[in-house]
């Protein structure tokens, strides 16, 4: 490698290093990272001293409509149903002994 080639390589490296702060600033504003940070904050949030992280693990996504005997556990009383373009939130209604749903968009 000649001195001139080495000198050109150093200039290219300096240029790349000079762009690094700008690229880091762009990465900082990446919405995907912000969403992941917010999800983490929500999962770790304590509401009036109670840990709410289990709520997110408790809601199951299914592709068949819930049916059958009344669920006893809270984790079996709420489902997110997704099948094709249909999205629904199912909740078991103990008063009427039936599954009720709300369409999601």
C-alpha atoms as a PDB file:
ATOM      1  CA  UNK A   1       0.000   0.000   0.000  1.00  0.00           C
ATOM      2  CA  UNK A   2       1.365   3.351  -0.982  1.00  0.00           C
ATOM      3  CA  UNK A   3       1.422   6.403   1.212  1.00  0.00           C
ATOM      4  CA  UNK A   4      -1.209   8.065  -0.962  1.00  0.00           C
ATOM      5  CA  UNK A   5      -3.540   5.029  -0.645  1.00  0.00           C
ATOM      6  CA  UNK A   6      -2.996   4.973   3.105  1.00  0.00           C
ATOM      7  CA  UNK A   7      -3.730   8.687   3.292  1.00  0.00           C
ATOM      8  CA  UNK A   8      -6.979   8.154   1.329  1.00  0.00           C
ATOM      9  CA  UNK A   9      -7.988   5.310   3.670  1.00  0.00           C
ATOM     10  CA  UNK A  10      -7.415   7.533   6.723  1.00  0.00           C
ATOM     11  CA  UNK A  11      -9.605  10.256   5.164  1.00  0.00           C
ATOM     12  CA  UNK A  12     -12.388   7.738   4.502  1.00  0.00           C
ATOM     13  CA  UNK A  13     -12.187   6.464   8.079  1.00  0.00           C
ATOM     14  CA  UNK A  14     -12.281  10.001   9.454  1.00  0.00           C
ATOM     15  CA  UNK A  15     -15.332  10.704   7.319  1.00  0.00           C
ATOM     16  CA  UNK A  16     -17.058   7.570   8.603  1.00  0.00           C
ATOM     17  CA  UNK A  17     -16.230   8.419  12.218  1.00  0.00           C
ATOM     18  CA  UNK A  18     -17.526  11.953  11.650  1.00  0.00           C
ATOM     19  CA  UNK A  19     -20.895  10.517  10.499  1.00  0.00           C
ATOM     20  CA  UNK A  20     -21.145   8.217  13.508  1.00  0.00           C
ATOM     21  CA  UNK A  21     -22.777  10.740  15.905  1.00  0.00           C
ATOM     22  CA  UNK A  22     -25.447  11.499  13.276  1.00  0.00           C
ATOM     23  CA  UNK A  23     -26.168   7.792  12.773  1.00  0.00           C
ATOM     24  CA  UNK A  24     -26.393   7.257  16.515  1.00  0.00           C
ATOM     25  CA  UNK A  25     -28.834  10.166  16.774  1.00  0.00           C
ATOM     26  CA  UNK A  26     -30.962   8.609  13.986  1.00  0.00           C
ATOM     27  CA  UNK A  27     -30.933   5.259  15.794  1.00  0.00           C
ATOM     28  CA  UNK A  28     -32.001   6.965  19.026  1.00  0.00           C
ATOM     29  CA  UNK A  29     -35.181   8.173  17.323  1.00  0.00           C
ATOM     30  CA  UNK A  30     -36.041   4.701  15.971  1.00  0.00           C
ATOM     31  CA  UNK A  31     -39.759   4.152  16.771  1.00  0.00           C
ATOM     32  CA  UNK A  32     -39.291   0.381  17.097  1.00  0.00           C
ATOM     33  CA  UNK A  33     -36.896   0.862  19.970  1.00  0.00           C
ATOM     34  CA  UNK A  34     -39.244   3.364  21.617  1.00  0.00           C
ATOM     35  CA  UNK A  35     -42.147   0.880  21.387  1.00  0.00           C
ATOM     36  CA  UNK A  36     -40.000  -1.840  22.937  1.00  0.00           C
ATOM     37  CA  UNK A  37     -39.005   0.545  25.746  1.00  0.00           C
ATOM     38  CA  UNK A  38     -42.659   1.457  26.383  1.00  0.00           C
ATOM     39  CA  UNK A  39     -43.703  -2.216  26.450  1.00  0.00           C
ATOM     40  CA  UNK A  40     -40.971  -2.896  28.974  1.00  0.00           C
ATOM     41  CA  UNK A  41     -42.079   0.052  31.119  1.00  0.00           C
ATOM     42  CA  UNK A  42     -45.704  -1.124  31.021  1.00  0.00           C
ATOM     43  CA  UNK A  43     -44.748  -4.694  31.884  1.00  0.00           C
ATOM     44  CA  UNK A  44     -42.636  -3.523  34.841  1.00  0.00           C
ATOM     45  CA  UNK A  45     -45.134  -0.919  36.078  1.00  0.00           C
ATOM     46  CA  UNK A  46     -46.557  -1.320  39.555  1.00  0.00           C
ATOM     47  CA  UNK A  47     -50.117  -0.057  39.841  1.00  0.00           C
ATOM     48  CA  UNK A  48     -50.906   0.994  43.406  1.00  0.00           C
ATOM     49  CA  UNK A  49     -48.202  -1.388  44.578  1.00  0.00           C
ATOM     50  CA  UNK A  50     -49.472  -4.328  42.479  1.00  0.00           C
ATOM     51  CA  UNK A  51     -47.350  -5.958  39.810  1.00  0.00           C
ATOM     52  CA  UNK A  52     -49.213  -5.673  36.485  1.00  0.00           C
ATOM     53  CA  UNK A  53     -46.759  -7.722  34.408  1.00  0.00           C
ATOM     54  CA  UNK A  54     -48.774 -10.915  34.889  1.00  0.00           C
ATOM     55  CA  UNK A  55     -51.761  -9.333  33.173  1.00  0.00           C
ATOM     56  CA  UNK A  56     -49.919  -9.350  29.845  1.00  0.00           C
ATOM     57  CA  UNK A  57     -48.971 -13.010  30.154  1.00  0.00           C
ATOM     58  CA  UNK A  58     -52.517 -13.893  31.282  1.00  0.00           C
ATOM     59  CA  UNK A  59     -54.280 -12.864  28.065  1.00  0.00           C
ATOM     60  CA  UNK A  60     -54.010 -15.648  25.516  1.00  0.00           C
ATOM     61  CA  UNK A  61     -54.396 -15.284  21.745  1.00  0.00           C
ATOM     62  CA  UNK A  62     -56.477 -18.047  20.126  1.00  0.00           C
ATOM     63  CA  UNK A  63     -57.748 -18.880  16.639  1.00  0.00           C
ATOM     64  CA  UNK A  64     -60.899 -20.738  17.723  1.00  0.00           C
ATOM     65  CA  UNK A  65     -63.924 -19.150  19.409  1.00  0.00           C
ATOM     66  CA  UNK A  66     -63.933 -19.825  23.183  1.00  0.00           C
ATOM     67  CA  UNK A  67     -66.730 -22.140  24.355  1.00  0.00           C
ATOM     68  CA  UNK A  68     -67.479 -24.766  26.949  1.00  0.00           C
ATOM     69  CA  UNK A  69     -67.893 -24.798  30.700  1.00  0.00           C
ATOM     70  CA  UNK A  70     -67.538 -21.587  32.708  1.00  0.00           C
ATOM     71  CA  UNK A  71     -63.878 -20.848  33.330  1.00  0.00           C
ATOM     72  CA  UNK A  72     -62.872 -20.630  36.983  1.00  0.00           C
ATOM     73  CA  UNK A  73     -59.539 -18.879  36.605  1.00  0.00           C
ATOM     74  CA  UNK A  74     -59.322 -15.255  35.510  1.00  0.00           C
ATOM     75  CA  UNK A  75     -56.645 -16.201  32.977  1.00  0.00           C
ATOM     76  CA  UNK A  76     -59.203 -18.424  31.210  1.00  0.00           C
ATOM     77  CA  UNK A  77     -61.946 -15.751  31.163  1.00  0.00           C
ATOM     78  CA  UNK A  78     -60.303 -13.337  28.705  1.00  0.00           C
ATOM     79  CA  UNK A  79     -59.049 -14.205  25.213  1.00  0.00           C
ATOM     80  CA  UNK A  80     -57.967 -12.364  22.105  1.00  0.00           C
ATOM     81  CA  UNK A  81     -59.367 -14.188  19.076  1.00  0.00           C
ATOM     82  CA  UNK A  82     -57.674 -13.722  15.695  1.00  0.00           C
ATOM     83  CA  UNK A  83     -58.750 -15.630  12.596  1.00  0.00           C
ATOM     84  CA  UNK A  84     -58.050 -14.192   9.168  1.00  0.00           C
ATOM     85  CA  UNK A  85     -59.142 -10.557   9.242  1.00  0.00           C
ATOM     86  CA  UNK A  86     -61.401 -11.054  12.283  1.00  0.00           C
ATOM     87  CA  UNK A  87     -60.093  -9.797  15.616  1.00  0.00           C
ATOM     88  CA  UNK A  88     -62.166  -9.995  18.798  1.00  0.00           C
ATOM     89  CA  UNK A  89     -61.773  -9.666  22.542  1.00  0.00           C
ATOM     90  CA  UNK A  90     -63.746 -12.446  24.290  1.00  0.00           C
ATOM     91  CA  UNK A  91     -64.790 -12.180  27.940  1.00  0.00           C
ATOM     92  CA  UNK A  92     -66.844 -14.704  29.867  1.00  0.00           C
ATOM     93  CA  UNK A  93     -70.039 -13.149  31.304  1.00  0.00           C
ATOM     94  CA  UNK A  94     -70.954 -15.036  34.489  1.00  0.00           C
ATOM     95  CA  UNK A  95     -74.268 -13.173  34.876  1.00  0.00           C
ATOM     96  CA  UNK A  96     -75.568 -14.549  31.569  1.00  0.00           C
ATOM     97  CA  UNK A  97     -73.342 -17.660  31.549  1.00  0.00           C
ATOM     98  CA  UNK A  98     -72.093 -16.861  28.060  1.00  0.00           C
ATOM     99  CA  UNK A  99     -69.053 -15.679  26.162  1.00  0.00           C
ATOM    100  CA  UNK A 100     -69.335 -12.053  25.012  1.00  0.00           C
ATOM    101  CA  UNK A 101     -67.061 -10.355  22.528  1.00  0.00           C
ATOM    102  CA  UNK A 102     -66.120  -6.977  21.178  1.00  0.00           C
ATOM    103  CA  UNK A 103     -64.737  -6.587  17.675  1.00  0.00           C
ATOM    104  CA  UNK A 104     -61.264  -5.105  17.454  1.00  0.00           C
ATOM    105  CA  UNK A 105     -59.898  -2.930  14.677  1.00  0.00           C
END
